[in-house]
Amino acid sequence: MGNLQVKAIRSREKKKIILPWILYDIQLFFRRAIQFFKWMPTIWGDVQRDHSSIFDLLQKKLELMHEFYSGDLPHIADKDDVAQEIEDVLVILRRIRDNRYLLVALEDFDKKYPDYNWNHWMDEDKNGYLIMDKDDAADQKKMKNKAYRLSDKMEKEDLDNLFVLLRKNIQNWWD
């Protein structure tokens, strides 16, 4: 074989080797671009002033992982179990982010006092300090305080359960 023929064969072999890598890089670029656009609204809404942004990021990540494990791409045998574990965490996380604990805790109060005027439950005293429940009867104050404590307890339990489930499972969520 001549030197020219050897170079032609090597050139074809290089193309066979290089072409899949180029296609892979193009595919990876588009996959990452799609990921960027999936994350953009979450990142755009990020603020540094409170903890809600951390929950936003965690929820987005878990939703994307749940979507992945619920699909056909994972190679692990227990992908359905992993998807369910992630869904369990997402349920708790959504409850925390919705922050409706006080509304749930005040259901008994609302049943007992359906005509309660919630628009005037805070007022200012002569020094400008806020006074809560100024015009409430003793029973109303007692029921509201009980609801406030219940609300705090429910939120704390959800936070504890969220982090217990994450600590227990997060290192097993990989493919």
Protein backbone atom coordinates (compact mmCIF):
# COMPACT_ATOMS: atom_id res chain seq x y z
CA MET A 1 0.00 0.00 0.00
CA GLY A 2 1.18 3.39 -0.85
CA ASN A 3 1.68 6.20 1.56
CA LEU A 4 -1.33 8.06 0.12
CA GLN A 5 -3.62 5.06 0.62
CA VAL A 6 -2.53 4.69 4.27
CA LYS A 7 -3.26 8.38 4.91
CA ALA A 8 -6.74 8.01 3.33
CA ILE A 9 -7.53 4.97 5.53
CA ARG A 10 -6.33 6.78 8.66
CA SER A 11 -8.39 9.81 7.70
CA ARG A 12 -11.55 7.68 7.35
CA GLU A 13 -10.82 5.97 10.69
CA LYS A 14 -10.40 9.34 12.38
CA LYS A 15 -13.72 10.52 10.95
CA LYS A 16 -15.41 7.37 12.25
CA ILE A 17 -13.97 8.06 15.69
CA ILE A 18 -14.48 11.84 15.73
CA LEU A 19 -18.00 12.01 14.27
CA PRO A 20 -19.74 10.29 17.24
CA TRP A 21 -17.96 12.65 19.63
CA ILE A 22 -19.06 15.69 17.66
CA LEU A 23 -22.64 14.41 17.61
CA TYR A 24 -22.43 13.72 21.34
CA ASP A 25 -21.18 17.26 22.00
CA ILE A 26 -24.00 18.75 19.94
CA GLN A 27 -26.56 16.59 21.75
CA LEU A 28 -25.04 17.57 25.12
CA PHE A 29 -25.18 21.26 24.19
CA PHE A 30 -28.91 21.07 23.43
CA ARG A 31 -29.60 18.98 26.53
CA ARG A 32 -27.87 21.60 28.68
CA ALA A 33 -29.68 24.43 26.90
CA ILE A 34 -33.00 22.77 27.72
CA GLN A 35 -31.89 22.39 31.35
CA PHE A 36 -30.96 26.07 31.43
CA PHE A 37 -34.41 27.09 30.25
CA LYS A 38 -36.06 24.75 32.77
CA TRP A 39 -34.11 26.38 35.61
CA MET A 40 -34.26 29.99 34.39
CA PRO A 41 -37.58 31.02 36.04
CA THR A 42 -36.45 29.58 39.37
CA ILE A 43 -33.06 31.30 39.25
CA TRP A 44 -34.60 34.53 37.99
CA GLY A 45 -36.94 34.64 40.98
CA ASP A 46 -34.18 33.94 43.49
CA VAL A 47 -33.85 36.48 46.28
CA GLN A 48 -31.35 36.61 49.10
CA ARG A 49 -33.66 37.91 51.81
CA ASP A 50 -35.33 34.75 53.09
CA HIS A 51 -35.43 30.97 53.14
CA SER A 52 -38.13 30.60 50.49
CA SER A 53 -35.57 30.70 47.66
CA ILE A 54 -33.82 27.66 49.11
CA PHE A 55 -37.13 25.79 49.08
CA ASP A 56 -37.78 27.01 45.51
CA LEU A 57 -34.44 25.58 44.35
CA LEU A 58 -34.96 22.33 46.24
CA GLN A 59 -38.47 21.91 44.85
CA LYS A 60 -37.31 22.54 41.27
CA LYS A 61 -34.47 20.03 41.61
CA LEU A 62 -36.74 17.39 43.11
CA GLU A 63 -39.39 17.95 40.44
CA LEU A 64 -36.79 17.42 37.71
CA MET A 65 -35.48 14.30 39.47
CA HIS A 66 -39.03 12.99 39.86
CA GLU A 67 -39.66 13.57 36.16
CA PHE A 68 -36.45 11.66 35.36
CA TYR A 69 -37.18 8.67 37.62
CA SER A 70 -40.79 8.50 36.44
CA GLY A 71 -39.62 8.20 32.83
CA ASP A 72 -37.85 5.50 30.83
CA LEU A 73 -34.27 6.79 31.14
CA PRO A 74 -33.16 5.43 34.54
CA HIS A 75 -31.30 2.13 34.53
CA ILE A 76 -31.89 1.17 38.15
CA ALA A 77 -34.38 -1.54 39.04
CA ASP A 78 -36.09 0.38 41.85
CA LYS A 79 -36.69 3.59 39.87
CA ASP A 80 -40.39 3.55 40.79
CA ASP A 81 -39.52 3.40 44.50
CA VAL A 82 -37.11 6.32 44.07
CA ALA A 83 -39.77 8.31 42.21
CA GLN A 84 -42.24 7.65 45.05
CA GLU A 85 -39.70 8.68 47.70
CA ILE A 86 -39.10 11.94 45.84
CA GLU A 87 -42.86 12.49 45.48
CA ASP A 88 -43.29 12.01 49.24
CA VAL A 89 -40.70 14.71 49.88
CA LEU A 90 -42.32 16.98 47.29
CA VAL A 91 -45.71 16.70 49.00
CA ILE A 92 -44.21 17.92 52.27
CA LEU A 93 -42.16 20.60 50.54
CA ARG A 94 -45.22 21.97 48.73
CA ARG A 95 -47.09 22.13 52.02
CA ILE A 96 -44.23 24.09 53.56
CA ARG A 97 -44.08 26.47 50.60
CA ASP A 98 -47.88 26.96 50.55
CA ASN A 99 -47.69 27.93 54.24
CA ARG A 100 -51.37 27.35 54.95
CA TYR A 101 -50.85 26.01 58.47
CA LEU A 102 -52.63 28.86 60.21
CA LEU A 103 -55.64 28.60 57.92
CA VAL A 104 -55.93 24.90 58.71
CA ALA A 105 -55.41 25.51 62.43
CA LEU A 106 -58.12 28.20 62.50
CA GLU A 107 -60.84 25.98 60.98
CA ASP A 108 -62.47 25.31 64.38
CA PHE A 109 -62.37 29.03 65.19
CA ASP A 110 -64.02 29.88 61.86
CA LYS A 111 -66.77 27.32 62.49
CA LYS A 112 -67.48 28.70 65.95
CA TYR A 113 -67.24 32.36 64.87
CA PRO A 114 -68.32 32.47 61.21
CA ASP A 115 -68.96 36.23 61.31
CA TYR A 116 -65.60 37.18 62.82
CA ASN A 117 -64.18 40.30 61.18
CA TRP A 118 -60.59 39.40 60.24
CA ASN A 119 -60.01 42.83 58.71
CA HIS A 120 -59.76 44.47 62.14
CA TRP A 121 -57.90 41.92 64.18
CA MET A 122 -54.80 44.14 64.43
CA ASP A 123 -54.80 47.71 65.64
CA GLU A 124 -52.30 50.30 66.84
CA ASP A 125 -52.19 51.65 70.36
CA LYS A 126 -51.41 55.30 71.13
CA ASN A 127 -47.64 54.63 70.84
CA GLY A 128 -47.96 53.02 67.40
CA TYR A 129 -47.45 49.45 68.59
CA LEU A 130 -49.55 46.71 67.04
CA ILE A 131 -52.15 45.16 69.28
CA MET A 132 -53.49 41.82 68.14
CA ASP A 133 -56.95 40.61 69.04
CA LYS A 134 -57.76 43.84 70.91
CA ASP A 135 -61.53 43.44 70.79
CA ASP A 136 -61.66 39.65 71.11
CA ALA A 137 -63.48 37.90 73.91
CA ALA A 138 -61.43 35.70 76.21
CA ASP A 139 -62.66 32.53 74.50
CA GLN A 140 -61.70 33.92 71.08
CA LYS A 141 -58.21 34.83 72.27
CA LYS A 142 -57.79 31.38 73.80
CA MET A 143 -58.92 29.61 70.61
CA LYS A 144 -56.67 31.78 68.43
CA ASN A 145 -53.63 31.22 70.65
CA LYS A 146 -54.28 27.49 70.49
CA ALA A 147 -54.49 27.74 66.68
CA TYR A 148 -51.24 29.74 66.53
CA ARG A 149 -49.45 27.07 68.56
CA LEU A 150 -50.95 24.29 66.43
CA SER A 151 -49.88 26.09 63.25
CA ASP A 152 -46.30 26.40 64.51
CA LYS A 153 -46.31 22.73 65.55
CA MET A 154 -47.57 21.54 62.14
CA GLU A 155 -44.96 23.58 60.29
CA LYS A 156 -42.16 22.34 62.56
CA GLU A 157 -43.29 18.72 62.06
CA ASP A 158 -43.28 19.17 58.28
CA LEU A 159 -39.80 20.72 58.36
CA ASP A 160 -38.54 17.87 60.56
CA ASN A 161 -40.12 15.24 58.28
CA LEU A 162 -38.73 16.94 55.17
CA PHE A 163 -35.16 16.86 56.42
CA VAL A 164 -35.46 13.36 57.89
CA LEU A 165 -36.62 12.01 54.51
CA LEU A 166 -33.90 13.92 52.68
CA ARG A 167 -31.21 12.71 55.07
CA LYS A 168 -32.48 9.12 54.79
CA ASN A 169 -32.87 8.96 51.00
CA ILE A 170 -30.98 11.64 49.11
CA GLN A 171 -27.76 9.66 48.70
CA ASN A 172 -29.71 6.77 47.18
CA TRP A 173 -31.25 8.93 44.46
CA TRP A 174 -28.79 8.38 41.65
CA ASP A 175 -28.75 6.41 38.43
